[in-house]
PDB file of N, CA and C in Angstrom:
ATOM      1  N   MET A   1      57.951  25.863  -4.087  1.00  0.00           N
ATOM      2  CA  MET A   1      57.621  26.924  -3.659  1.00  0.00           C
ATOM      3  C   MET A   1      55.852  26.878  -3.838  1.00  0.00           C
ATOM      4  N   ALA A   2      55.109  26.366  -2.716  1.00  0.00           N
ATOM      5  CA  ALA A   2      53.997  25.748  -3.140  1.00  0.00           C
ATOM      6  C   ALA A   2      52.917  27.108  -2.937  1.00  0.00           C
ATOM      7  N   LYS A   3      52.466  26.998  -4.117  1.00  0.00           N
ATOM      8  CA  LYS A   3      51.299  27.661  -4.000  1.00  0.00           C
ATOM      9  C   LYS A   3      51.474  29.632  -4.636  1.00  0.00           C
ATOM     10  N   SER A   4      52.879  28.270  -6.046  1.00  0.00           N
ATOM     11  CA  SER A   4      53.359  29.899  -6.567  1.00  0.00           C
ATOM     12  C   SER A   4      52.217  30.832  -7.638  1.00  0.00           C
ATOM     13  N   ARG A   5      51.846  31.502  -7.390  1.00  0.00           N
ATOM     14  CA  ARG A   5      51.066  32.685  -8.391  1.00  0.00           C
ATOM     15  C   ARG A   5      51.827  32.906  -9.159  1.00  0.00           C
ATOM     16  N   VAL A   6      51.470  32.906 -10.610  1.00  0.00           N
ATOM     17  CA  VAL A   6      51.707  32.949 -11.826  1.00  0.00           C
ATOM     18  C   VAL A   6      52.083  34.482 -12.507  1.00  0.00           C
ATOM     19  N   GLY A   7      53.456  34.927 -12.521  1.00  0.00           N
ATOM     20  CA  GLY A   7      53.630  35.711 -13.285  1.00  0.00           C
ATOM     21  C   GLY A   7      54.498  36.701 -11.532  1.00  0.00           C
ATOM     22  N   GLN A   8      54.226  36.474 -10.409  1.00  0.00           N
ATOM     23  CA  GLN A   8      55.234  37.049  -9.035  1.00  0.00           C
ATOM     24  C   GLN A   8      56.204  36.046  -8.728  1.00  0.00           C
ATOM     25  N   ARG A   9      57.185  36.849  -8.404  1.00  0.00           N
ATOM     26  CA  ARG A   9      58.555  36.051  -7.255  1.00  0.00           C
ATOM     27  C   ARG A   9      58.191  35.277  -6.340  1.00  0.00           C
ATOM     28  N   PHE A  10      56.452  35.474  -5.190  1.00  0.00           N
ATOM     29  CA  PHE A  10      57.086  34.876  -4.596  1.00  0.00           C
ATOM     30  C   PHE A  10      55.927  33.410  -4.173  1.00  0.00           C
ATOM     31  N   GLY A  11      55.342  32.893  -2.978  1.00  0.00           N
ATOM     32  CA  GLY A  11      54.443  32.230  -3.043  1.00  0.00           C
ATOM     33  C   GLY A  11      54.273  31.995  -1.722  1.00  0.00           C
ATOM     34  N   LEU A  12      53.374  30.944  -0.851  1.00  0.00           N
ATOM     35  CA  LEU A  12      52.041  30.547   0.408  1.00  0.00           C
ATOM     36  C   LEU A  12      52.752  29.620   0.096  1.00  0.00           C
ATOM     37  N   GLU A  13      52.884  29.338   1.310  1.00  0.00           N
ATOM     38  CA  GLU A  13      53.203  28.114   1.767  1.00  0.00           C
ATOM     39  C   GLU A  13      53.403  28.048   3.410  1.00  0.00           C
ATOM     40  N   ARG A  14      52.564  27.048   3.688  1.00  0.00           N
ATOM     41  CA  ARG A  14      52.076  27.524   5.268  1.00  0.00           C
ATOM     42  C   ARG A  14      51.176  28.723   5.372  1.00  0.00           C
ATOM     43  N   GLY A  15      50.965  29.524   5.066  1.00  0.00           N
ATOM     44  CA  GLY A  15      50.227  30.541   5.412  1.00  0.00           C
ATOM     45  C   GLY A  15      51.395  31.699   5.230  1.00  0.00           C
ATOM     46  N   ARG A  16      52.546  31.561   5.074  1.00  0.00           N
ATOM     47  CA  ARG A  16      54.041  32.549   5.152  1.00  0.00           C
ATOM     48  C   ARG A  16      54.296  32.956   3.602  1.00  0.00           C
ATOM     49  N   ALA A  17      54.587  33.943   3.573  1.00  0.00           N
ATOM     50  CA  ALA A  17      55.357  34.061   1.607  1.00  0.00           C
ATOM     51  C   ALA A  17      56.794  33.597   1.560  1.00  0.00           C
ATOM     52  N   ILE A  18      56.713  33.656   1.068  1.00  0.00           N
ATOM     53  CA  ILE A  18      58.539  32.735   0.521  1.00  0.00           C
ATOM     54  C   ILE A  18      58.502  33.478  -1.106  1.00  0.00           C
ATOM     55  N   PHE A  19      59.689  33.938  -0.834  1.00  0.00           N
ATOM     56  CA  PHE A  19      59.892  34.777  -2.207  1.00  0.00           C
ATOM     57  C   PHE A  19      61.199  34.185  -2.678  1.00  0.00           C
ATOM     58  N   ASP A  20      61.335  33.971  -4.043  1.00  0.00           N
ATOM     59  CA  ASP A  20      62.887  34.065  -4.727  1.00  0.00           C
ATOM     60  C   ASP A  20      63.894  34.464  -3.569  1.00  0.00           C
ATOM     61  N   ALA A  21      65.160  34.029  -4.236  1.00  0.00           N
ATOM     62  CA  ALA A  21      66.553  33.909  -3.788  1.00  0.00           C
ATOM     63  C   ALA A  21      67.091  34.758  -4.317  1.00  0.00           C
ATOM     64  N   GLU A  22      66.793  35.342  -5.863  1.00  0.00           N
ATOM     65  CA  GLU A  22      67.162  36.136  -6.073  1.00  0.00           C
ATOM     66  C   GLU A  22      66.211  37.400  -5.686  1.00  0.00           C
ATOM     67  N   LEU A  23      65.365  37.732  -5.412  1.00  0.00           N
ATOM     68  CA  LEU A  23      64.020  38.714  -4.959  1.00  0.00           C
ATOM     69  C   LEU A  23      65.365  39.414  -3.690  1.00  0.00           C
ATOM     70  N   GLU A  24      65.137  37.760  -2.616  1.00  0.00           N
ATOM     71  CA  GLU A  24      66.046  38.163  -1.298  1.00  0.00           C
ATOM     72  C   GLU A  24      67.271  39.175  -1.289  1.00  0.00           C
ATOM     73  N   ARG A  25      67.722  38.066  -2.395  1.00  0.00           N
ATOM     74  CA  ARG A  25      69.511  38.801  -2.458  1.00  0.00           C
ATOM     75  C   ARG A  25      69.169  40.462  -3.442  1.00  0.00           C
ATOM     76  N   LEU A  26      67.812  40.664  -3.650  1.00  0.00           N
ATOM     77  CA  LEU A  26      68.100  41.771  -3.994  1.00  0.00           C
ATOM     78  C   LEU A  26      67.780  42.792  -3.369  1.00  0.00           C
ATOM     79  N   TYR A  27      67.034  42.388  -1.917  1.00  0.00           N
ATOM     80  CA  TYR A  27      66.502  42.851  -0.919  1.00  0.00           C
ATOM     81  C   TYR A  27      67.554  43.427   0.151  1.00  0.00           C
ATOM     82  N   LYS A  28      68.481  42.285   0.492  1.00  0.00           N
ATOM     83  CA  LYS A  28      69.607  42.551   1.250  1.00  0.00           C
ATOM     84  C   LYS A  28      70.640  43.533   0.978  1.00  0.00           C
ATOM     85  N   GLN A  29      70.831  43.499  -0.831  1.00  0.00           N
ATOM     86  CA  GLN A  29      71.589  44.382  -1.213  1.00  0.00           C
ATOM     87  C   GLN A  29      71.419  46.159  -1.087  1.00  0.00           C
ATOM     88  N   ALA A  30      70.036  46.132  -1.257  1.00  0.00           N
ATOM     89  CA  ALA A  30      69.179  47.132  -1.308  1.00  0.00           C
ATOM     90  C   ALA A  30      68.923  48.152   0.004  1.00  0.00           C
ATOM     91  N   ARG A  31      69.369  47.133   1.090  1.00  0.00           N
ATOM     92  CA  ARG A  31      68.310  47.901   2.757  1.00  0.00           C
ATOM     93  C   ARG A  31      69.884  48.350   3.431  1.00  0.00           C
ATOM     94  N   THR A  32      69.694  49.542   3.638  1.00  0.00           N
ATOM     95  CA  THR A  32      70.235  50.194   4.812  1.00  0.00           C
ATOM     96  C   THR A  32      70.244  50.155   6.680  1.00  0.00           C
ATOM     97  N   SER A  33      71.637  50.205   6.404  1.00  0.00           N
ATOM     98  CA  SER A  33      71.636  49.918   8.229  1.00  0.00           C
ATOM     99  C   SER A  33      71.010  50.759   8.761  1.00  0.00           C
ATOM    100  N   LEU A  34      71.380  50.852   9.975  1.00  0.00           N
ATOM    101  CA  LEU A  34      70.730  52.383  11.275  1.00  0.00           C
ATOM    102  C   LEU A  34      71.866  52.942  11.209  1.00  0.00           C
ATOM    103  N   TYR A  35      73.069  52.624  10.847  1.00  0.00           N
ATOM    104  CA  TYR A  35      74.420  53.061  11.068  1.00  0.00           C
ATOM    105  C   TYR A  35      74.193  54.043   9.955  1.00  0.00           C
ATOM    106  N   ARG A  36      74.226  53.788   8.934  1.00  0.00           N
ATOM    107  CA  ARG A  36      74.288  54.718   7.829  1.00  0.00           C
ATOM    108  C   ARG A  36      73.374  55.258   7.508  1.00  0.00           C
ATOM    109  N   TYR A  37      71.897  55.060   8.105  1.00  0.00           N
ATOM    110  CA  TYR A  37      70.548  55.939   7.624  1.00  0.00           C
ATOM    111  C   TYR A  37      71.130  57.448   8.839  1.00  0.00           C
ATOM    112  N   VAL A  38      71.537  56.758   9.884  1.00  0.00           N
ATOM    113  CA  VAL A  38      71.289  58.100  10.706  1.00  0.00           C
ATOM    114  C   VAL A  38      72.569  58.574  10.786  1.00  0.00           C
ATOM    115  N   ILE A  39      73.196  58.336   9.543  1.00  0.00           N
ATOM    116  CA  ILE A  39      75.009  59.309   9.605  1.00  0.00           C
ATOM    117  C   ILE A  39      74.482  59.887   8.142  1.00  0.00           C
ATOM    118  N   ASN A  40      73.709  59.259   7.249  1.00  0.00           N
ATOM    119  CA  ASN A  40      73.126  60.279   6.160  1.00  0.00           C
ATOM    120  C   ASN A  40      71.227  61.347   6.642  1.00  0.00           C
ATOM    121  N   ALA A  41      71.147  60.987   7.455  1.00  0.00           N
ATOM    122  CA  ALA A  41      70.276  61.731   7.479  1.00  0.00           C
ATOM    123  C   ALA A  41      69.504  63.166   7.989  1.00  0.00           C
ATOM    124  N   HIS A  42      69.251  64.241   7.093  1.00  0.00           N
ATOM    125  CA  HIS A  42      68.672  65.431   7.541  1.00  0.00           C
ATOM    126  C   HIS A  42      69.559  65.800   8.711  1.00  0.00           C
ATOM    127  N   PRO A  43      69.833  67.289   8.855  1.00  0.00           N
ATOM    128  CA  PRO A  43      70.045  67.385  10.497  1.00  0.00           C
ATOM    129  C   PRO A  43      69.042  67.908  11.218  1.00  0.00           C
ATOM    130  N   LEU A  44      67.711  68.067  10.223  1.00  0.00           N
ATOM    131  CA  LEU A  44      66.789  68.578  11.464  1.00  0.00           C
ATOM    132  C   LEU A  44      66.112  68.306  11.472  1.00  0.00           C
ATOM    133  N   VAL A  45      66.435  66.247  10.944  1.00  0.00           N
ATOM    134  CA  VAL A  45      65.738  65.032  11.674  1.00  0.00           C
ATOM    135  C   VAL A  45      66.234  64.903  12.194  1.00  0.00           C
ATOM    136  N   ALA A  46      67.126  65.004  12.338  1.00  0.00           N
ATOM    137  CA  ALA A  46      68.305  64.777  14.203  1.00  0.00           C
ATOM    138  C   ALA A  46      67.893  65.364  15.329  1.00  0.00           C
ATOM    139  N   LEU A  47      67.943  66.880  14.801  1.00  0.00           N
ATOM    140  CA  LEU A  47      67.538  67.677  16.069  1.00  0.00           C
ATOM    141  C   LEU A  47      65.424  68.090  16.459  1.00  0.00           C
ATOM    142  N   THR A  48      64.764  67.219  15.397  1.00  0.00           N
ATOM    143  CA  THR A  48      64.254  66.966  15.974  1.00  0.00           C
ATOM    144  C   THR A  48      63.093  65.709  16.138  1.00  0.00           C
ATOM    145  N   ALA A  49      63.841  64.783  16.543  1.00  0.00           N
ATOM    146  CA  ALA A  49      63.536  63.589  16.621  1.00  0.00           C
ATOM    147  C   ALA A  49      63.355  63.289  18.421  1.00  0.00           C
ATOM    148  N   PRO A  50      65.134  63.453  18.601  1.00  0.00           N
ATOM    149  CA  PRO A  50      64.423  63.229  20.185  1.00  0.00           C
ATOM    150  C   PRO A  50      63.390  64.259  20.466  1.00  0.00           C
ATOM    151  N   LEU A  51      63.179  65.923  19.703  1.00  0.00           N
ATOM    152  CA  LEU A  51      61.937  66.439  21.252  1.00  0.00           C
ATOM    153  C   LEU A  51      60.760  65.769  20.560  1.00  0.00           C
ATOM    154  N   ILE A  52      60.075  64.912  19.454  1.00  0.00           N
ATOM    155  CA  ILE A  52      59.649  64.284  19.514  1.00  0.00           C
ATOM    156  C   ILE A  52      59.269  62.850  20.017  1.00  0.00           C
ATOM    157  N   TYR A  53      60.789  62.069  20.107  1.00  0.00           N
ATOM    158  CA  TYR A  53      60.077  60.817  21.213  1.00  0.00           C
ATOM    159  C   TYR A  53      59.779  61.328  22.311  1.00  0.00           C
ATOM    160  N   THR A  54      60.246  62.276  22.919  1.00  0.00           N
ATOM    161  CA  THR A  54      60.594  62.769  24.413  1.00  0.00           C
ATOM    162  C   THR A  54      59.145  63.315  24.389  1.00  0.00           C
ATOM    163  N   LEU A  55      58.289  63.233  23.476  1.00  0.00           N
ATOM    164  CA  LEU A  55      56.431  64.038  24.102  1.00  0.00           C
ATOM    165  C   LEU A  55      55.970  62.846  24.216  1.00  0.00           C
ATOM    166  N   ILE A  56      55.828  61.332  23.369  1.00  0.00           N
ATOM    167  CA  ILE A  56      55.460  59.841  24.328  1.00  0.00           C
ATOM    168  C   ILE A  56      54.819  60.110  25.531  1.00  0.00           C
ATOM    169  N   VAL A  57      55.945  60.290  26.335  1.00  0.00           N
ATOM    170  CA  VAL A  57      55.256  60.096  27.823  1.00  0.00           C
ATOM    171  C   VAL A  57      54.697  61.246  28.429  1.00  0.00           C
ATOM    172  N   PRO A  58      54.022  62.294  27.870  1.00  0.00           N
ATOM    173  CA  PRO A  58      53.761  63.276  28.081  1.00  0.00           C
ATOM    174  C   PRO A  58      52.503  62.950  27.745  1.00  0.00           C
ATOM    175  N   LEU A  59      52.441  62.295  26.347  1.00  0.00           N
ATOM    176  CA  LEU A  59      50.953  61.772  25.564  1.00  0.00           C
ATOM    177  C   LEU A  59      50.097  61.335  25.890  1.00  0.00           C
ATOM    178  N   VAL A  60      50.691  60.591  26.683  1.00  0.00           N
ATOM    179  CA  VAL A  60      49.712  58.892  26.578  1.00  0.00           C
ATOM    180  C   VAL A  60      49.318  59.695  28.571  1.00  0.00           C
ATOM    181  N   LEU A  61      50.058  60.238  29.092  1.00  0.00           N
ATOM    182  CA  LEU A  61      49.632  61.001  30.599  1.00  0.00           C
ATOM    183  C   LEU A  61      48.552  61.809  30.300  1.00  0.00           C
ATOM    184  N   LEU A  62      49.092  62.490  29.334  1.00  0.00           N
ATOM    185  CA  LEU A  62      47.311  63.142  28.489  1.00  0.00           C
ATOM    186  C   LEU A  62      46.619  62.542  29.091  1.00  0.00           C
ATOM    187  N   ASP A  63      46.400  61.689  28.205  1.00  0.00           N
ATOM    188  CA  ASP A  63      45.839  60.555  26.969  1.00  0.00           C
ATOM    189  C   ASP A  63      44.789  60.299  28.596  1.00  0.00           C
ATOM    190  N   VAL A  64      45.076  59.492  29.153  1.00  0.00           N
ATOM    191  CA  VAL A  64      45.054  58.486  30.282  1.00  0.00           C
ATOM    192  C   VAL A  64      43.989  59.704  31.316  1.00  0.00           C
ATOM    193  N   CYS A  65      44.761  60.906  31.592  1.00  0.00           N
ATOM    194  CA  CYS A  65      43.732  61.447  32.328  1.00  0.00           C
ATOM    195  C   CYS A  65      42.262  61.944  32.309  1.00  0.00           C
ATOM    196  N   VAL A  66      42.513  62.574  30.606  1.00  0.00           N
ATOM    197  CA  VAL A  66      41.250  63.113  29.734  1.00  0.00           C
ATOM    198  C   VAL A  66      40.362  61.480  30.099  1.00  0.00           C
ATOM    199  N   THR A  67      40.959  60.504  29.694  1.00  0.00           N
ATOM    200  CA  THR A  67      39.796  59.634  29.844  1.00  0.00           C
ATOM    201  C   THR A  67      39.640  58.979  30.897  1.00  0.00           C
ATOM    202  N   LEU A  68      39.940  59.488  32.194  1.00  0.00           N
ATOM    203  CA  LEU A  68      39.575  59.150  33.024  1.00  0.00           C
ATOM    204  C   LEU A  68      38.296  60.453  34.096  1.00  0.00           C
ATOM    205  N   TYR A  69      38.745  61.792  33.527  1.00  0.00           N
ATOM    206  CA  TYR A  69      37.900  62.410  33.818  1.00  0.00           C
ATOM    207  C   TYR A  69      37.290  62.645  32.862  1.00  0.00           C
ATOM    208  N   GLN A  70      36.294  62.168  31.601  1.00  0.00           N
ATOM    209  CA  GLN A  70      35.246  61.673  30.701  1.00  0.00           C
ATOM    210  C   GLN A  70      34.689  60.864  31.232  1.00  0.00           C
ATOM    211  N   ALA A  71      35.769  60.212  31.861  1.00  0.00           N
ATOM    212  CA  ALA A  71      34.417  59.154  32.353  1.00  0.00           C
ATOM    213  C   ALA A  71      33.947  58.822  33.765  1.00  0.00           C
ATOM    214  N   SER A  72      34.682  59.926  35.085  1.00  0.00           N
ATOM    215  CA  SER A  72      33.874  60.737  36.077  1.00  0.00           C
ATOM    216  C   SER A  72      32.755  61.354  35.963  1.00  0.00           C
ATOM    217  N   VAL A  73      32.826  62.564  34.858  1.00  0.00           N
ATOM    218  CA  VAL A  73      32.007  63.372  34.322  1.00  0.00           C
ATOM    219  C   VAL A  73      30.933  63.023  33.822  1.00  0.00           C
ATOM    220  N   PHE A  74      30.785  61.876  32.684  1.00  0.00           N
ATOM    221  CA  PHE A  74      29.964  61.643  31.725  1.00  0.00           C
ATOM    222  C   PHE A  74      29.980  59.913  32.124  1.00  0.00           C
ATOM    223  N   PRO A  75      29.660  59.623  33.329  1.00  0.00           N
ATOM    224  CA  PRO A  75      29.185  58.522  34.141  1.00  0.00           C
ATOM    225  C   PRO A  75      28.416  57.788  32.902  1.00  0.00           C
ATOM    226  N   PRO A  76      28.942  56.336  32.422  1.00  0.00           N
ATOM    227  CA  PRO A  76      28.005  55.632  31.938  1.00  0.00           C
ATOM    228  C   PRO A  76      26.379  55.266  31.515  1.00  0.00           C
ATOM    229  N   THR A  77      25.892  55.729  32.779  1.00  0.00           N
ATOM    230  CA  THR A  77      24.310  56.103  32.957  1.00  0.00           C
ATOM    231  C   THR A  77      23.632  57.245  32.130  1.00  0.00           C
ATOM    232  N   VAL A  78      24.991  57.471  32.279  1.00  0.00           N
ATOM    233  CA  VAL A  78      24.088  58.820  31.035  1.00  0.00           C
ATOM    234  C   VAL A  78      24.306  58.713  29.300  1.00  0.00           C
ATOM    235  N   TRP A  79      24.783  57.025  29.145  1.00  0.00           N
ATOM    236  CA  TRP A  79      24.973  56.542  27.696  1.00  0.00           C
ATOM    237  C   TRP A  79      23.341  56.218  27.835  1.00  0.00           C
ATOM    238  N   GLN A  80      22.099  56.434  27.122  1.00  0.00           N
ATOM    239  CA  GLN A  80      21.235  56.154  26.738  1.00  0.00           C
ATOM    240  C   GLN A  80      21.041  55.389  24.998  1.00  0.00           C
ATOM    241  N   ARG A  81      20.712  54.616  25.189  1.00  0.00           N
ATOM    242  CA  ARG A  81      19.860  54.940  23.939  1.00  0.00           C
ATOM    243  C   ARG A  81      18.894  55.665  23.038  1.00  0.00           C
ATOM    244  N   CYS A  82      19.725  56.554  21.749  1.00  0.00           N
ATOM    245  CA  CYS A  82      18.769  57.114  21.410  1.00  0.00           C
ATOM    246  C   CYS A  82      17.793  56.235  19.872  1.00  0.00           C
ATOM    247  N   GLY A  83      16.702  57.065  20.103  1.00  0.00           N
ATOM    248  CA  GLY A  83      15.495  57.014  19.332  1.00  0.00           C
ATOM    249  C   GLY A  83      15.767  55.999  18.137  1.00  0.00           C
ATOM    250  N   ALA A  84      17.186  56.468  17.551  1.00  0.00           N
ATOM    251  CA  ALA A  84      16.995  55.417  16.217  1.00  0.00           C
ATOM    252  C   ALA A  84      17.819  54.338  16.816  1.00  0.00           C
ATOM    253  N   PRO A  85      17.855  53.396  15.846  1.00  0.00           N
ATOM    254  CA  PRO A  85      18.224  51.607  16.328  1.00  0.00           C
ATOM    255  C   PRO A  85      19.996  51.409  16.340  1.00  0.00           C
ATOM    256  N   ILE A  86      20.499  51.764  15.333  1.00  0.00           N
ATOM    257  CA  ILE A  86      21.274  51.925  15.760  1.00  0.00           C
ATOM    258  C   ILE A  86      22.763  52.853  16.036  1.00  0.00           C
ATOM    259  N   THR A  87      22.413  54.462  16.205  1.00  0.00           N
ATOM    260  CA  THR A  87      23.157  55.366  16.881  1.00  0.00           C
ATOM    261  C   THR A  87      23.302  55.204  18.658  1.00  0.00           C
ATOM    262  N   TRP A  88      24.609  55.791  19.100  1.00  0.00           N
ATOM    263  CA  TRP A  88      24.552  55.490  20.280  1.00  0.00           C
ATOM    264  C   TRP A  88      24.370  57.361  20.733  1.00  0.00           C
ATOM    265  N   CYS A  89      24.347  57.502  21.674  1.00  0.00           N
ATOM    266  CA  CYS A  89      24.655  58.450  22.185  1.00  0.00           C
ATOM    267  C   CYS A  89      25.847  58.955  22.624  1.00  0.00           C
ATOM    268  N   SER A  90      26.774  59.589  23.037  1.00  0.00           N
ATOM    269  CA  SER A  90      27.696  60.402  22.748  1.00  0.00           C
ATOM    270  C   SER A  90      27.967  61.526  23.965  1.00  0.00           C
ATOM    271  N   THR A  91      29.379  61.736  24.255  1.00  0.00           N
ATOM    272  CA  THR A  91      28.940  63.500  25.477  1.00  0.00           C
ATOM    273  C   THR A  91      28.546  64.350  24.814  1.00  0.00           C
ATOM    274  N   ALA A  92      28.326  64.390  23.038  1.00  0.00           N
ATOM    275  CA  ALA A  92      28.583  65.290  22.585  1.00  0.00           C
ATOM    276  C   ALA A  92      26.844  65.604  22.165  1.00  0.00           C
ATOM    277  N   THR A  93      25.716  64.625  22.030  1.00  0.00           N
ATOM    278  CA  THR A  93      24.518  64.713  22.113  1.00  0.00           C
ATOM    279  C   THR A  93      23.917  63.842  23.274  1.00  0.00           C
ATOM    280  N   ILE A  94      23.668  64.060  24.102  1.00  0.00           N
ATOM    281  CA  ILE A  94      23.149  63.648  25.315  1.00  0.00           C
ATOM    282  C   ILE A  94      21.967  62.851  24.934  1.00  0.00           C
ATOM    283  N   CYS A  95      20.980  61.732  25.124  1.00  0.00           N
ATOM    284  CA  CYS A  95      19.540  62.173  25.594  1.00  0.00           C
ATOM    285  C   CYS A  95      19.016  62.372  26.650  1.00  0.00           C
ATOM    286  N   LEU A  96      18.314  63.104  26.884  1.00  0.00           N
ATOM    287  CA  LEU A  96      17.251  63.194  27.439  1.00  0.00           C
ATOM    288  C   LEU A  96      16.066  62.788  28.089  1.00  0.00           C
ATOM    289  N   ILE A  97      15.453  61.962  28.718  1.00  0.00           N
ATOM    290  CA  ILE A  97      15.086  61.048  28.733  1.00  0.00           C
ATOM    291  C   ILE A  97      13.529  61.194  29.436  1.00  0.00           C
TER     292      ILE A  97
END
């Protein structure tokens, strides 16, 4: 293993982490398959997961609508440079010229 580190069980080779064979064996022994994870999951997790994942599309649509609304109500011409050299005005603090 190129560039192996003292006291650690991995090294770097062309920018990628290379692990010891024993460490890889322990990882493969300890990992859980998706089927086993779902079977052993708590019942409340199994009941709430579909509800959470069905909300992804409506929340993305809400985000797009709010973004479009803010872009139309607060056009880029409202965003003027404030007196401070680093800070910029936002929709909460509109600089009056």
